[in-house]
Amino acid sequence: MERLSRRAPPGCALAAAALVLGASGCAGSLEAGLRDAKLELDGGRRACAFARVELLRRAHLDDASRERAFHRAFDLVFLGRPPVGAERADGKLPQRPAAALLAALPEAHGPARRQALEAAAQAQPNDGEILFLLAAEVQEAPDLARAEALFVRAAELARANAMVQAWTARFFLKAVSKPRQALDYYYRAYFLDPDYYETEFVEARLARMIPRSELDACR
């Protein structure tokens, strides 16, 4: 998925982060700053990691080449791989095993789509994307209790999928009003793709949801 580019003003949490981190938030080389953020994340200081990454990301929004440089460095430091969309040695994008099955699904919500997804989930119970799509369909039923269990299982199986993490977060935030759980999944989505958008940019949701006390602890 192509990343979205935008010029966004800092939210209250980011303004606070800039005051907390000061010049050190963007000091030194880009990769060095991202490595510092990754150390914060690995140490369980998610708010500090978010603040450092977001300040660096915003500092590179003034030019398309600088923005691309940020994403290349982010993917290498945080994900240990080339940027999203990188091709294989044969020049083709990698395909998921279930790609053909997913492409054949009925597009509209309803019994036919749910039946197809139920069958697919039985055939491939460890495919997080299939379970995620089934969860969304069950939510439409609506069966929120089963949908929640499916979203949680899908997010565990597809921990490297920003889409699954972000929309699982949105389910917890909007459908069942569990913001603490939503925050966990929004963090997961952000540290996979800082530009991810569900119906709002994930960084904007985090900027509002992170407690100020967690940013104060970054001093």
Protein backbone atom coordinates (compact mmCIF):
# COMPACT_ATOMS: atom_id res chain seq x y z
CA MET A 1 0.00 0.00 0.00
CA GLU A 2 1.34 3.44 -0.97
CA ARG A 3 1.95 5.66 2.00
CA LEU A 4 -0.04 8.87 2.26
CA SER A 5 1.90 12.11 2.29
CA ARG A 6 0.61 15.12 4.14
CA ARG A 7 1.60 18.24 6.00
CA ALA A 8 0.01 18.09 9.45
CA PRO A 9 0.27 20.61 12.30
CA PRO A 10 1.43 19.13 15.61
CA GLY A 11 -1.27 17.99 18.03
CA CYS A 12 -1.26 18.84 21.72
CA ALA A 13 0.63 15.67 22.61
CA LEU A 14 3.30 16.40 20.01
CA ALA A 15 3.63 19.97 21.18
CA ALA A 16 4.15 18.60 24.68
CA ALA A 17 6.66 16.09 23.35
CA ALA A 18 8.65 18.86 21.69
CA LEU A 19 8.84 20.66 25.02
CA VAL A 20 9.79 17.46 26.85
CA LEU A 21 12.40 16.21 24.39
CA GLY A 22 13.63 19.59 23.24
CA ALA A 23 16.30 19.71 20.56
CA SER A 24 17.43 16.19 21.47
CA GLY A 25 14.29 14.82 19.83
CA CYS A 26 15.70 15.59 16.38
CA ALA A 27 19.41 15.92 17.08
CA GLY A 28 22.00 13.93 15.15
CA SER A 29 21.47 11.80 12.09
CA LEU A 30 18.08 10.46 11.06
CA GLU A 31 19.04 6.82 11.61
CA ALA A 32 20.64 7.63 14.97
CA GLY A 33 17.46 9.36 16.09
CA LEU A 34 15.35 6.42 14.96
CA ARG A 35 17.66 3.98 16.73
CA ASP A 36 17.18 5.98 19.93
CA ALA A 37 13.43 5.73 19.42
CA LYS A 38 13.67 1.97 18.82
CA LEU A 39 15.59 1.61 22.10
CA GLU A 40 12.79 3.47 23.85
CA LEU A 41 10.23 1.14 22.29
CA ASP A 42 12.20 -1.98 23.16
CA GLY A 43 12.44 -0.67 26.73
CA GLY A 44 8.66 -0.37 27.00
CA ARG A 45 8.60 3.45 26.74
CA ARG A 46 6.11 3.60 23.88
CA ALA A 47 5.11 7.23 24.35
CA CYS A 48 8.74 8.35 24.25
CA ALA A 49 9.38 6.25 21.14
CA PHE A 50 6.29 7.70 19.46
CA ALA A 51 7.32 11.25 20.30
CA ARG A 52 10.82 10.78 18.91
CA VAL A 53 9.66 9.12 15.69
CA GLU A 54 6.89 11.63 15.14
CA LEU A 55 9.14 14.65 15.64
CA LEU A 56 11.61 13.16 13.15
CA ARG A 57 8.85 12.33 10.67
CA ARG A 58 7.43 15.84 10.81
CA ALA A 59 10.91 17.32 10.40
CA HIS A 60 11.16 15.49 7.05
CA LEU A 61 7.80 16.53 5.58
CA ASP A 62 9.16 19.66 3.90
CA ASP A 63 10.50 17.82 0.87
CA ALA A 64 9.44 14.63 -0.93
CA SER A 65 12.96 13.21 -1.09
CA ARG A 66 13.47 13.85 2.64
CA GLU A 67 10.13 12.20 3.36
CA ARG A 68 11.19 9.12 1.37
CA ALA A 69 14.50 9.10 3.25
CA PHE A 70 12.62 9.06 6.53
CA HIS A 71 10.52 6.06 5.47
CA ARG A 72 13.54 4.15 4.19
CA ALA A 73 15.35 4.71 7.48
CA PHE A 74 12.25 3.90 9.54
CA ASP A 75 11.63 0.61 7.75
CA LEU A 76 15.24 -0.47 8.15
CA VAL A 77 15.51 0.50 11.83
CA PHE A 78 12.08 -0.57 13.06
CA LEU A 79 11.16 -3.38 10.67
CA GLY A 80 14.58 -4.62 9.59
CA ARG A 81 13.59 -4.65 5.95
CA PRO A 82 13.47 -2.44 2.84
CA PRO A 83 10.51 -0.06 2.46
CA VAL A 84 6.97 -1.26 1.82
CA GLY A 85 6.52 -2.17 -1.83
CA ALA A 86 10.11 -3.35 -2.35
CA GLU A 87 10.26 -5.96 -5.07
CA ARG A 88 11.76 -9.42 -4.94
CA ALA A 89 14.87 -10.31 -6.94
CA ASP A 90 12.63 -11.46 -9.82
CA GLY A 91 11.01 -8.01 -10.00
CA LYS A 92 7.59 -9.14 -8.74
CA LEU A 93 5.80 -8.15 -5.56
CA PRO A 94 5.43 -11.04 -3.08
CA GLN A 95 1.99 -12.63 -3.02
CA ARG A 96 0.19 -13.98 0.03
CA PRO A 97 -0.90 -17.65 -0.11
CA ALA A 98 -4.54 -16.62 0.40
CA ALA A 99 -4.48 -13.81 -2.20
CA ALA A 100 -6.58 -15.71 -4.75
CA LEU A 101 -9.13 -16.72 -2.13
CA LEU A 102 -9.47 -13.14 -0.88
CA ALA A 103 -9.77 -11.77 -4.41
CA ALA A 104 -12.74 -14.09 -5.03
CA LEU A 105 -14.76 -12.89 -2.02
CA PRO A 106 -18.08 -11.14 -2.63
CA GLU A 107 -17.49 -7.43 -2.16
CA ALA A 108 -20.72 -6.51 -0.37
CA HIS A 109 -21.39 -7.32 3.28
CA GLY A 110 -23.96 -10.06 3.67
CA PRO A 111 -24.57 -13.78 4.05
CA ALA A 112 -22.59 -14.81 0.97
CA ARG A 113 -19.45 -12.95 2.05
CA ARG A 114 -19.72 -14.18 5.62
CA GLN A 115 -20.25 -17.78 4.51
CA ALA A 116 -17.20 -17.59 2.26
CA LEU A 117 -15.09 -16.13 5.08
CA GLU A 118 -16.31 -18.71 7.60
CA ALA A 119 -15.23 -21.45 5.19
CA ALA A 120 -11.90 -19.74 4.55
CA ALA A 121 -11.25 -19.38 8.28
CA GLN A 122 -11.94 -23.06 8.80
CA ALA A 123 -9.57 -23.96 5.98
CA GLN A 124 -6.82 -21.54 7.12
CA PRO A 125 -7.37 -20.87 10.85
CA ASN A 126 -3.96 -19.23 11.28
CA ASP A 127 -4.36 -16.63 8.54
CA GLY A 128 -4.73 -13.34 10.39
CA GLU A 129 -6.05 -11.40 7.40
CA ILE A 130 -8.84 -13.90 6.80
CA LEU A 131 -9.82 -13.80 10.48
CA PHE A 132 -9.70 -10.01 10.39
CA LEU A 133 -12.08 -9.87 7.43
CA LEU A 134 -14.35 -12.38 9.16
CA ALA A 135 -14.28 -10.24 12.31
CA ALA A 136 -15.41 -7.21 10.30
CA GLU A 137 -18.22 -9.26 8.79
CA VAL A 138 -19.32 -10.61 12.19
CA GLN A 139 -19.29 -7.04 13.52
CA GLU A 140 -21.83 -6.16 10.84
CA ALA A 141 -24.16 -8.92 12.09
CA PRO A 142 -23.83 -7.46 14.76
CA ASP A 143 -22.16 -9.90 17.13
CA LEU A 144 -19.68 -7.70 18.96
CA ALA A 145 -18.53 -10.34 21.45
CA ARG A 146 -17.48 -12.78 18.74
CA ALA A 147 -16.12 -9.96 16.58
CA GLU A 148 -13.89 -8.83 19.47
CA ALA A 149 -12.48 -12.34 19.92
CA LEU A 150 -11.82 -12.59 16.18
CA PHE A 151 -10.16 -9.17 16.00
CA VAL A 152 -7.87 -10.05 18.90
CA ARG A 153 -6.91 -13.38 17.34
CA ALA A 154 -6.37 -11.77 13.92
CA ALA A 155 -4.15 -9.06 15.41
CA GLU A 156 -2.01 -11.65 17.17
CA LEU A 157 -1.59 -13.68 13.98
CA ALA A 158 -0.94 -10.63 11.80
CA ARG A 159 1.31 -8.59 14.06
CA ALA A 160 3.23 -7.23 11.06
CA ASN A 161 0.09 -5.98 9.29
CA ALA A 162 -0.61 -2.30 9.98
CA MET A 163 -4.10 -2.53 8.49
CA VAL A 164 -5.14 -5.30 10.89
CA GLN A 165 -3.65 -3.51 13.89
CA ALA A 166 -5.18 -0.11 13.07
CA TRP A 167 -8.67 -1.37 12.34
CA THR A 168 -8.60 -3.62 15.40
CA ALA A 169 -7.74 -0.48 17.37
CA ARG A 170 -10.66 1.35 15.76
CA PHE A 171 -13.01 -1.50 16.69
CA PHE A 172 -11.98 -1.19 20.33
CA LEU A 173 -12.22 2.60 20.25
CA LYS A 174 -15.50 3.02 18.37
CA ALA A 175 -17.47 -0.23 18.52
CA VAL A 176 -16.92 -1.37 22.11
CA SER A 177 -15.56 1.79 23.79
CA LYS A 178 -12.37 0.28 25.19
CA PRO A 179 -9.80 3.06 24.63
CA ARG A 180 -7.02 1.42 26.68
CA GLN A 181 -7.07 -1.64 24.44
CA ALA A 182 -7.38 0.59 21.38
CA LEU A 183 -4.24 2.48 22.39
CA ASP A 184 -2.21 -0.74 22.39
CA TYR A 185 -3.23 -1.58 18.83
CA TYR A 186 -2.75 1.97 17.60
CA TYR A 187 0.81 1.84 18.91
CA ARG A 188 1.35 -1.42 17.04
CA ALA A 189 0.01 0.09 13.82
CA TYR A 190 2.09 3.25 14.14
CA PHE A 191 5.37 1.40 14.66
CA LEU A 192 4.64 -0.60 11.51
CA ASP A 193 3.66 2.41 9.41
CA PRO A 194 3.72 5.94 10.89
CA ASP A 195 1.54 7.16 8.02
CA TYR A 196 -1.22 4.57 8.36
CA TYR A 197 -4.75 5.89 7.85
CA GLU A 198 -7.97 4.10 8.80
CA THR A 199 -10.59 6.86 8.91
CA GLU A 200 -8.01 9.15 10.52
CA PHE A 201 -4.23 9.09 10.64
CA VAL A 202 -3.05 6.78 13.40
CA GLU A 203 -0.54 9.36 14.62
CA ALA A 204 -3.39 11.85 15.16
CA ARG A 205 -5.31 9.35 17.27
CA LEU A 206 -2.21 8.58 19.32
CA ALA A 207 -1.44 12.27 19.79
CA ARG A 208 -4.83 12.68 21.47
CA MET A 209 -4.89 9.40 23.39
CA ILE A 210 -1.43 9.22 24.97
CA PRO A 211 -1.57 10.40 28.60
CA ARG A 212 0.51 13.51 29.24
CA SER A 213 2.07 11.74 32.23
CA GLU A 214 3.70 9.23 29.87
CA LEU A 215 5.26 12.04 27.86
CA ASP A 216 6.45 13.76 31.03
CA ALA A 217 8.29 10.55 31.89
CA CYS A 218 10.42 11.06 28.76
CA ARG A 219 12.42 13.88 30.33
